[in-house]
């Protein structure tokens, strides 16, 4: 699973803000494409497992999306 799936243009960035928290800024991706990318990333994460000595541990993620409307001066 890679964050490269979320980055679709030169202005899109993904960075870590602490611990296991990440932010993706998808500046030139419209709302529907953003939603499609996030859903695909979520589905991919559900297929991941972390293995310990005793068992596979499923990976879970929480995703939110916000839109910022830049006000013209």
N, C-alpha and C. Protein backbone atom coordinates (compact mmCIF):
# COMPACT_ATOMS: atom_id res chain seq x y z
N UNK A 1 0.85 -1.17 0.00
CA UNK A 1 0.00 0.00 0.00
C UNK A 1 0.89 1.23 0.00
N UNK A 2 0.62 2.15 -0.89
CA UNK A 2 1.48 3.31 -1.02
C UNK A 2 0.65 4.59 -1.13
N UNK A 3 1.17 5.65 -0.59
CA UNK A 3 0.50 6.95 -0.73
C UNK A 3 0.58 7.46 -2.16
N UNK A 4 1.41 6.85 -2.99
CA UNK A 4 1.49 7.25 -4.40
C UNK A 4 0.14 7.15 -5.09
N UNK A 5 -0.72 6.26 -4.60
CA UNK A 5 -2.07 6.12 -5.16
C UNK A 5 -2.85 7.43 -5.05
N UNK A 6 -2.60 8.20 -4.00
CA UNK A 6 -3.34 9.44 -3.78
C UNK A 6 -2.80 10.62 -4.58
N UNK A 7 -1.54 10.57 -4.96
CA UNK A 7 -0.90 11.70 -5.63
C UNK A 7 -1.09 11.57 -7.13
N UNK A 8 -1.85 12.52 -7.70
CA UNK A 8 -2.13 12.43 -9.14
C UNK A 8 -1.62 13.63 -9.93
N UNK A 9 -1.07 14.64 -9.25
CA UNK A 9 -0.50 15.78 -9.98
C UNK A 9 0.73 16.30 -9.23
N UNK A 10 1.46 17.21 -9.86
CA UNK A 10 2.67 17.75 -9.26
C UNK A 10 2.39 18.57 -8.00
N UNK A 11 1.16 19.05 -7.85
CA UNK A 11 0.83 19.88 -6.69
C UNK A 11 0.23 19.08 -5.53
N UNK A 12 -0.09 17.80 -5.73
CA UNK A 12 -0.61 16.95 -4.66
C UNK A 12 0.53 16.53 -3.75
N UNK A 13 0.28 16.56 -2.45
CA UNK A 13 1.31 16.14 -1.49
C UNK A 13 0.68 15.32 -0.38
N UNK A 14 1.44 14.39 0.16
CA UNK A 14 1.04 13.62 1.33
C UNK A 14 2.18 13.75 2.33
N UNK A 15 1.84 14.10 3.57
CA UNK A 15 2.88 14.20 4.57
C UNK A 15 2.38 13.72 5.92
N UNK A 16 3.34 13.35 6.74
CA UNK A 16 3.03 12.83 8.08
C UNK A 16 2.96 14.00 9.04
N UNK A 17 1.91 14.02 9.87
CA UNK A 17 1.80 15.12 10.83
C UNK A 17 2.09 14.64 12.25
N UNK A 18 2.29 13.36 12.43
CA UNK A 18 2.66 12.84 13.74
C UNK A 18 2.12 11.44 13.96
N UNK A 19 2.90 10.63 14.65
CA UNK A 19 2.45 9.27 14.95
C UNK A 19 2.03 8.54 13.69
N UNK A 20 0.78 8.10 13.67
CA UNK A 20 0.26 7.39 12.50
C UNK A 20 -0.75 8.25 11.75
N UNK A 21 -0.59 9.57 11.85
CA UNK A 21 -1.52 10.49 11.20
C UNK A 21 -0.86 11.14 9.98
N UNK A 22 -1.61 11.15 8.87
CA UNK A 22 -1.11 11.71 7.63
C UNK A 22 -2.15 12.66 7.04
N UNK A 23 -1.68 13.61 6.25
CA UNK A 23 -2.54 14.55 5.54
C UNK A 23 -2.21 14.48 4.07
N UNK A 24 -3.24 14.46 3.23
CA UNK A 24 -3.06 14.53 1.78
C UNK A 24 -3.71 15.83 1.30
N UNK A 25 -2.95 16.65 0.60
CA UNK A 25 -3.50 17.86 -0.02
C UNK A 25 -3.55 17.60 -1.51
N UNK A 26 -4.76 17.51 -2.02
CA UNK A 26 -4.99 17.17 -3.43
C UNK A 26 -5.56 18.41 -4.12
N UNK A 27 -4.68 19.36 -4.35
CA UNK A 27 -5.08 20.69 -4.81
C UNK A 27 -5.78 20.70 -6.17
N UNK A 28 -5.31 19.91 -7.09
CA UNK A 28 -5.87 19.93 -8.44
C UNK A 28 -6.69 18.69 -8.77
N UNK A 29 -7.31 18.11 -7.75
CA UNK A 29 -8.15 16.94 -7.94
C UNK A 29 -9.57 17.32 -7.52
N UNK A 30 -10.53 17.16 -8.41
CA UNK A 30 -11.90 17.56 -8.07
C UNK A 30 -12.49 16.62 -7.03
N UNK A 31 -13.63 17.03 -6.47
CA UNK A 31 -14.24 16.32 -5.35
C UNK A 31 -14.51 14.85 -5.66
N UNK A 32 -15.12 14.56 -6.79
CA UNK A 32 -15.46 13.17 -7.12
C UNK A 32 -14.22 12.31 -7.30
N UNK A 33 -13.20 12.84 -7.97
CA UNK A 33 -11.96 12.06 -8.13
C UNK A 33 -11.26 11.87 -6.80
N UNK A 34 -11.32 12.88 -5.93
CA UNK A 34 -10.75 12.76 -4.59
C UNK A 34 -11.45 11.63 -3.83
N UNK A 35 -12.75 11.63 -3.92
CA UNK A 35 -13.53 10.59 -3.24
C UNK A 35 -13.19 9.20 -3.77
N UNK A 36 -13.06 9.08 -5.07
CA UNK A 36 -12.70 7.79 -5.68
C UNK A 36 -11.32 7.34 -5.21
N UNK A 37 -10.35 8.23 -5.18
CA UNK A 37 -9.00 7.89 -4.71
C UNK A 37 -9.02 7.44 -3.25
N UNK A 38 -9.76 8.17 -2.42
CA UNK A 38 -9.83 7.83 -1.00
C UNK A 38 -10.49 6.48 -0.79
N UNK A 39 -11.56 6.21 -1.53
CA UNK A 39 -12.22 4.91 -1.41
C UNK A 39 -11.30 3.78 -1.84
N UNK A 40 -10.54 3.98 -2.91
CA UNK A 40 -9.59 2.95 -3.37
C UNK A 40 -8.49 2.74 -2.33
N UNK A 41 -8.01 3.82 -1.72
CA UNK A 41 -6.98 3.70 -0.69
C UNK A 41 -7.54 2.94 0.51
N UNK A 42 -8.76 3.24 0.90
CA UNK A 42 -9.40 2.56 2.02
C UNK A 42 -9.56 1.07 1.74
N UNK A 43 -10.02 0.72 0.55
CA UNK A 43 -10.17 -0.70 0.18
C UNK A 43 -8.83 -1.42 0.21
N UNK A 44 -7.79 -0.76 -0.28
CA UNK A 44 -6.45 -1.36 -0.25
C UNK A 44 -5.97 -1.60 1.16
N UNK A 45 -6.23 -0.65 2.05
CA UNK A 45 -5.80 -0.80 3.44
C UNK A 45 -6.52 -1.95 4.12
N UNK A 46 -7.78 -2.20 3.77
CA UNK A 46 -8.52 -3.30 4.37
C UNK A 46 -7.90 -4.66 4.02
N UNK A 47 -7.16 -4.72 2.94
CA UNK A 47 -6.54 -5.98 2.51
C UNK A 47 -5.21 -6.25 3.20
N UNK A 48 -4.69 -5.27 3.93
CA UNK A 48 -3.40 -5.42 4.58
C UNK A 48 -3.53 -6.13 5.91
N UNK A 49 -2.52 -6.87 6.27
CA UNK A 49 -2.44 -7.49 7.59
C UNK A 49 -1.02 -7.32 8.11
N UNK A 50 -0.93 -7.08 9.40
CA UNK A 50 0.35 -7.05 10.08
C UNK A 50 0.44 -8.37 10.82
N UNK A 51 1.57 -9.05 10.66
CA UNK A 51 1.70 -10.38 11.26
C UNK A 51 2.55 -10.32 12.52
N UNK A 52 2.04 -10.92 13.57
CA UNK A 52 2.81 -11.10 14.80
C UNK A 52 3.20 -12.58 14.87
N UNK A 53 3.82 -12.96 15.94
CA UNK A 53 4.20 -14.36 16.09
C UNK A 53 2.99 -15.28 16.16
N UNK A 54 1.87 -14.75 16.63
CA UNK A 54 0.71 -15.59 16.88
C UNK A 54 -0.40 -15.49 15.84
N UNK A 55 -0.57 -14.30 15.23
CA UNK A 55 -1.73 -14.15 14.34
C UNK A 55 -1.57 -12.93 13.44
N UNK A 56 -2.44 -12.88 12.44
CA UNK A 56 -2.50 -11.70 11.57
C UNK A 56 -3.36 -10.64 12.26
N UNK A 57 -2.92 -9.41 12.20
CA UNK A 57 -3.66 -8.30 12.81
C UNK A 57 -4.17 -7.43 11.67
N UNK A 58 -5.49 -7.28 11.54
CA UNK A 58 -6.02 -6.46 10.44
C UNK A 58 -5.68 -4.98 10.63
N UNK A 59 -5.50 -4.29 9.52
CA UNK A 59 -5.21 -2.86 9.53
C UNK A 59 -6.53 -2.11 9.39
N UNK A 60 -6.73 -1.11 10.23
CA UNK A 60 -7.91 -0.27 10.11
C UNK A 60 -7.47 1.18 9.94
N UNK A 61 -8.28 1.95 9.22
CA UNK A 61 -7.97 3.36 9.04
C UNK A 61 -9.27 4.17 9.14
N UNK A 62 -9.11 5.42 9.50
CA UNK A 62 -10.23 6.37 9.50
C UNK A 62 -9.85 7.49 8.54
N UNK A 63 -10.78 7.88 7.69
CA UNK A 63 -10.50 8.89 6.68
C UNK A 63 -11.58 9.97 6.74
N UNK A 64 -11.14 11.20 6.65
CA UNK A 64 -12.06 12.33 6.55
C UNK A 64 -11.66 13.17 5.36
N UNK A 65 -12.58 13.96 4.87
CA UNK A 65 -12.29 14.81 3.72
C UNK A 65 -12.92 16.17 3.95
N UNK A 66 -12.19 17.21 3.62
CA UNK A 66 -12.70 18.57 3.76
C UNK A 66 -12.37 19.35 2.49
N UNK A 67 -13.15 20.36 2.26
CA UNK A 67 -12.93 21.21 1.10
C UNK A 67 -12.77 22.64 1.59
N UNK A 68 -11.73 23.30 1.11
CA UNK A 68 -11.48 24.69 1.46
C UNK A 68 -11.78 25.56 0.25
N UNK A 69 -12.64 26.53 0.43
CA UNK A 69 -12.97 27.45 -0.65
C UNK A 69 -12.21 28.74 -0.43
N UNK A 70 -11.28 29.01 -1.32
CA UNK A 70 -10.46 30.21 -1.23
C UNK A 70 -11.30 31.42 -1.62
N UNK A 71 -11.37 32.40 -0.74
CA UNK A 71 -12.11 33.63 -1.02
C UNK A 71 -11.24 34.55 -1.84
N UNK A 72 -11.81 35.09 -2.92
CA UNK A 72 -11.08 36.06 -3.73
C UNK A 72 -11.09 37.41 -3.03
N UNK A 73 -9.96 38.10 -3.11
CA UNK A 73 -9.86 39.41 -2.45
C UNK A 73 -10.44 40.50 -3.30
